[in-house]
């Protein structure tokens, strides 16, 4: 199995997926879920059932989490990695 982001082989027994759900509720209608959301949830569950989700190695998962948490750009990532490297060589 290979990571869908970096292409490297996923080592070990753990791979990661990312699930982001849109929850569309209507407060004027007893907070019920709309038909569009029900369809989206069904599609998401079917993708998981048929292994259509993208799979990531641990390093890429950590990069993605950091990006989401910090809204890091690719340039920011390069600077962070350079800084981490320089700190190791000190």
N, C-alpha and C. Protein backbone atom coordinates (compact mmCIF):
# COMPACT_ATOMS: atom_id res chain seq x y z
N UNK A 1 0.85 -1.16 0.00
CA UNK A 1 0.00 0.00 0.00
C UNK A 1 0.90 1.23 0.00
N UNK A 2 0.52 2.25 -0.80
CA UNK A 2 1.32 3.47 -0.92
C UNK A 2 0.50 4.69 -0.51
N UNK A 3 1.20 5.67 0.01
CA UNK A 3 0.59 6.92 0.44
C UNK A 3 0.09 7.67 -0.80
N UNK A 4 -1.14 8.16 -0.75
CA UNK A 4 -1.72 8.90 -1.87
C UNK A 4 -1.16 10.31 -1.98
N UNK A 5 -0.38 10.75 -1.02
CA UNK A 5 0.20 12.10 -1.07
C UNK A 5 1.64 12.08 -1.55
N UNK A 6 2.49 11.28 -0.89
CA UNK A 6 3.91 11.27 -1.24
C UNK A 6 4.31 10.10 -2.13
N UNK A 7 3.48 9.09 -2.19
CA UNK A 7 3.77 7.94 -3.04
C UNK A 7 4.65 6.88 -2.40
N UNK A 8 5.14 7.16 -1.20
CA UNK A 8 5.99 6.20 -0.50
C UNK A 8 5.16 5.03 0.01
N UNK A 9 5.81 3.88 0.14
CA UNK A 9 5.13 2.72 0.70
C UNK A 9 4.81 2.98 2.17
N UNK A 10 3.60 2.64 2.57
CA UNK A 10 3.20 2.81 3.97
C UNK A 10 3.74 1.63 4.75
N UNK A 11 4.62 1.93 5.70
CA UNK A 11 5.26 0.89 6.49
C UNK A 11 4.45 0.64 7.75
N UNK A 12 4.52 -0.57 8.24
CA UNK A 12 3.78 -0.92 9.45
C UNK A 12 2.36 -1.32 9.11
N UNK A 13 1.54 -1.32 10.12
CA UNK A 13 0.17 -1.79 9.96
C UNK A 13 -0.86 -0.68 10.03
N UNK A 14 -0.41 0.58 10.12
CA UNK A 14 -1.35 1.68 10.28
C UNK A 14 -1.26 2.62 9.09
N UNK A 15 -2.40 2.93 8.49
CA UNK A 15 -2.48 4.00 7.50
C UNK A 15 -3.58 4.95 7.96
N UNK A 16 -3.56 6.16 7.44
CA UNK A 16 -4.47 7.20 7.91
C UNK A 16 -5.35 7.69 6.78
N UNK A 17 -6.57 8.04 7.11
CA UNK A 17 -7.49 8.67 6.17
C UNK A 17 -7.98 9.96 6.80
N UNK A 18 -8.51 10.84 5.97
CA UNK A 18 -9.04 12.10 6.46
C UNK A 18 -10.51 12.14 6.13
N UNK A 19 -11.31 12.42 7.12
CA UNK A 19 -12.75 12.51 6.92
C UNK A 19 -13.22 13.88 7.38
N UNK A 20 -13.72 14.65 6.45
CA UNK A 20 -14.29 15.95 6.78
C UNK A 20 -15.74 15.91 6.34
N UNK A 21 -16.63 16.09 7.28
CA UNK A 21 -18.05 15.99 6.99
C UNK A 21 -18.70 17.37 7.02
N UNK A 22 -19.61 17.59 6.11
CA UNK A 22 -20.43 18.80 6.15
C UNK A 22 -21.76 18.47 6.80
N UNK A 23 -22.06 19.16 7.86
CA UNK A 23 -23.33 18.92 8.55
C UNK A 23 -24.26 20.08 8.27
N UNK A 24 -25.23 19.83 7.46
CA UNK A 24 -26.18 20.87 7.06
C UNK A 24 -27.45 20.67 7.87
N UNK A 25 -27.67 21.56 8.81
CA UNK A 25 -28.88 21.47 9.62
C UNK A 25 -29.73 22.70 9.38
N UNK A 26 -30.99 22.57 9.61
CA UNK A 26 -31.91 23.68 9.39
C UNK A 26 -32.59 24.02 10.71
N UNK A 27 -32.15 25.08 11.39
CA UNK A 27 -32.73 25.40 12.70
C UNK A 27 -34.22 25.73 12.64
N UNK A 28 -34.69 26.14 11.48
CA UNK A 28 -36.12 26.46 11.34
C UNK A 28 -36.96 25.21 11.13
N UNK A 29 -36.31 24.08 10.94
CA UNK A 29 -37.02 22.84 10.66
C UNK A 29 -36.59 21.75 11.66
N UNK A 30 -36.63 22.09 12.94
CA UNK A 30 -36.28 21.16 14.02
C UNK A 30 -34.88 20.56 13.88
N UNK A 31 -33.96 21.31 13.28
CA UNK A 31 -32.58 20.87 13.13
C UNK A 31 -32.46 19.56 12.34
N UNK A 32 -33.36 19.32 11.46
CA UNK A 32 -33.30 18.09 10.67
C UNK A 32 -32.22 18.20 9.60
N UNK A 33 -31.74 17.07 9.13
CA UNK A 33 -30.72 17.00 8.09
C UNK A 33 -31.41 17.08 6.74
N UNK A 34 -30.81 17.85 5.83
CA UNK A 34 -31.40 17.99 4.51
C UNK A 34 -31.14 16.74 3.66
N UNK A 35 -31.87 16.62 2.60
CA UNK A 35 -31.69 15.50 1.67
C UNK A 35 -30.27 15.50 1.10
N UNK A 36 -29.77 16.69 0.75
CA UNK A 36 -28.41 16.78 0.19
C UNK A 36 -27.37 16.25 1.18
N UNK A 37 -27.53 16.58 2.46
CA UNK A 37 -26.59 16.10 3.47
C UNK A 37 -26.71 14.59 3.65
N UNK A 38 -27.93 14.08 3.63
CA UNK A 38 -28.13 12.63 3.75
C UNK A 38 -27.45 11.91 2.59
N UNK A 39 -27.54 12.47 1.40
CA UNK A 39 -26.88 11.86 0.23
C UNK A 39 -25.37 11.92 0.39
N UNK A 40 -24.85 13.06 0.84
CA UNK A 40 -23.41 13.20 1.05
C UNK A 40 -22.92 12.20 2.10
N UNK A 41 -23.65 12.05 3.18
CA UNK A 41 -23.26 11.08 4.21
C UNK A 41 -23.25 9.67 3.66
N UNK A 42 -24.23 9.34 2.84
CA UNK A 42 -24.29 8.00 2.22
C UNK A 42 -23.09 7.80 1.31
N UNK A 43 -22.77 8.80 0.50
CA UNK A 43 -21.60 8.69 -0.39
C UNK A 43 -20.32 8.50 0.40
N UNK A 44 -20.16 9.26 1.47
CA UNK A 44 -18.97 9.15 2.31
C UNK A 44 -18.85 7.74 2.89
N UNK A 45 -19.96 7.22 3.40
CA UNK A 45 -19.94 5.87 3.97
C UNK A 45 -19.66 4.81 2.92
N UNK A 46 -20.19 4.98 1.71
CA UNK A 46 -19.92 4.02 0.64
C UNK A 46 -18.45 4.08 0.22
N UNK A 47 -17.89 5.28 0.16
CA UNK A 47 -16.46 5.40 -0.18
C UNK A 47 -15.61 4.66 0.84
N UNK A 48 -15.93 4.81 2.11
CA UNK A 48 -15.18 4.11 3.16
C UNK A 48 -15.37 2.60 3.03
N UNK A 49 -16.59 2.18 2.73
CA UNK A 49 -16.90 0.76 2.61
C UNK A 49 -16.12 0.12 1.47
N UNK A 50 -15.97 0.84 0.36
CA UNK A 50 -15.29 0.29 -0.81
C UNK A 50 -13.84 0.75 -0.92
N UNK A 51 -13.28 1.23 0.18
CA UNK A 51 -11.87 1.66 0.24
C UNK A 51 -11.51 2.69 -0.82
N UNK A 52 -12.40 3.63 -1.08
CA UNK A 52 -12.14 4.68 -2.06
C UNK A 52 -11.52 5.91 -1.40
N UNK A 53 -11.30 5.85 -0.10
CA UNK A 53 -10.69 6.97 0.60
C UNK A 53 -9.20 7.03 0.28
N UNK A 54 -8.67 8.21 0.31
CA UNK A 54 -7.22 8.36 0.14
C UNK A 54 -6.55 7.90 1.43
N UNK A 55 -5.39 7.27 1.26
CA UNK A 55 -4.66 6.72 2.40
C UNK A 55 -3.32 7.42 2.51
N UNK A 56 -2.94 7.73 3.74
CA UNK A 56 -1.74 8.52 3.99
C UNK A 56 -0.82 7.83 4.98
N UNK A 57 0.49 8.07 4.80
CA UNK A 57 1.48 7.60 5.77
C UNK A 57 1.45 8.55 6.97
N UNK A 58 2.13 8.17 8.04
CA UNK A 58 2.10 8.97 9.26
C UNK A 58 2.72 10.36 9.05
N UNK A 59 3.84 10.43 8.30
CA UNK A 59 4.47 11.73 8.07
C UNK A 59 3.55 12.68 7.33
N UNK A 60 2.88 12.20 6.30
CA UNK A 60 1.96 13.06 5.54
C UNK A 60 0.76 13.44 6.38
N UNK A 61 0.27 12.51 7.21
CA UNK A 61 -0.85 12.82 8.09
C UNK A 61 -0.47 13.96 9.04
N UNK A 62 0.75 13.90 9.57
CA UNK A 62 1.20 14.96 10.48
C UNK A 62 1.35 16.29 9.75
N UNK A 63 1.86 16.26 8.52
CA UNK A 63 1.96 17.49 7.72
C UNK A 63 0.57 18.08 7.46
N UNK A 64 -0.38 17.23 7.12
CA UNK A 64 -1.74 17.69 6.83
C UNK A 64 -2.38 18.27 8.10
N UNK A 65 -2.21 17.59 9.22
CA UNK A 65 -2.75 18.10 10.49
C UNK A 65 -2.15 19.47 10.81
N UNK A 66 -0.82 19.59 10.65
CA UNK A 66 -0.15 20.85 10.95
C UNK A 66 -0.69 21.96 10.04
N UNK A 67 -0.86 21.64 8.77
CA UNK A 67 -1.38 22.62 7.81
C UNK A 67 -2.79 23.07 8.20
N UNK A 68 -3.65 22.11 8.53
CA UNK A 68 -5.03 22.44 8.91
C UNK A 68 -5.05 23.27 10.18
N UNK A 69 -4.26 22.88 11.16
CA UNK A 69 -4.25 23.59 12.44
C UNK A 69 -3.64 24.98 12.33
N UNK A 70 -2.68 25.15 11.43
CA UNK A 70 -1.94 26.40 11.37
C UNK A 70 -2.06 27.15 10.05
N UNK A 71 -2.82 26.60 9.13
CA UNK A 71 -2.98 27.19 7.79
C UNK A 71 -1.62 27.51 7.17
N UNK A 72 -0.75 26.54 7.23
CA UNK A 72 0.62 26.69 6.75
C UNK A 72 0.66 26.59 5.23
N UNK A 73 1.38 27.48 4.59
CA UNK A 73 1.58 27.43 3.15
C UNK A 73 2.78 26.53 2.85
N UNK A 74 2.96 26.17 1.59
CA UNK A 74 4.12 25.36 1.22
C UNK A 74 5.42 26.10 1.54
N UNK A 75 5.44 27.42 1.32
CA UNK A 75 6.63 28.20 1.64
C UNK A 75 6.90 28.17 3.14
N UNK A 76 5.84 28.29 3.94
CA UNK A 76 6.00 28.21 5.40
C UNK A 76 6.58 26.85 5.79
N UNK A 77 6.09 25.80 5.14
CA UNK A 77 6.56 24.45 5.45
C UNK A 77 8.05 24.32 5.15
N UNK A 78 8.47 24.84 3.99
CA UNK A 78 9.89 24.77 3.64
C UNK A 78 10.74 25.52 4.65
N UNK A 79 10.28 26.70 5.08
CA UNK A 79 11.02 27.46 6.08
C UNK A 79 11.07 26.73 7.42
N UNK A 80 9.95 26.10 7.81
CA UNK A 80 9.91 25.35 9.06
C UNK A 80 10.88 24.17 9.00
N UNK A 81 10.87 23.45 7.88
CA UNK A 81 11.77 22.30 7.75
C UNK A 81 13.22 22.74 7.76
N UNK A 82 13.53 23.87 7.10
CA UNK A 82 14.88 24.39 7.10
C UNK A 82 15.30 24.78 8.51
N UNK A 83 14.39 25.41 9.24
CA UNK A 83 14.67 25.82 10.61
C UNK A 83 14.89 24.58 11.49
N UNK A 84 14.05 23.55 11.30
CA UNK A 84 14.22 22.31 12.07
C UNK A 84 15.57 21.69 11.78
N UNK A 85 15.99 21.69 10.52
CA UNK A 85 17.27 21.12 10.12
C UNK A 85 18.42 21.92 10.76
N UNK A 86 18.31 23.24 10.70
CA UNK A 86 19.37 24.08 11.29
C UNK A 86 19.46 23.87 12.81
N UNK A 87 18.32 23.67 13.46
CA UNK A 87 18.34 23.42 14.91
C UNK A 87 19.01 22.10 15.23
N UNK A 88 18.87 21.11 14.35
CA UNK A 88 19.50 19.81 14.58
C UNK A 88 21.02 19.90 14.43
N UNK A 89 21.47 20.77 13.54
CA UNK A 89 22.91 20.85 13.28
C UNK A 89 23.64 21.72 14.31
N UNK A 90 22.92 22.41 15.18
CA UNK A 90 23.56 23.25 16.19
C UNK A 90 24.16 22.43 17.31
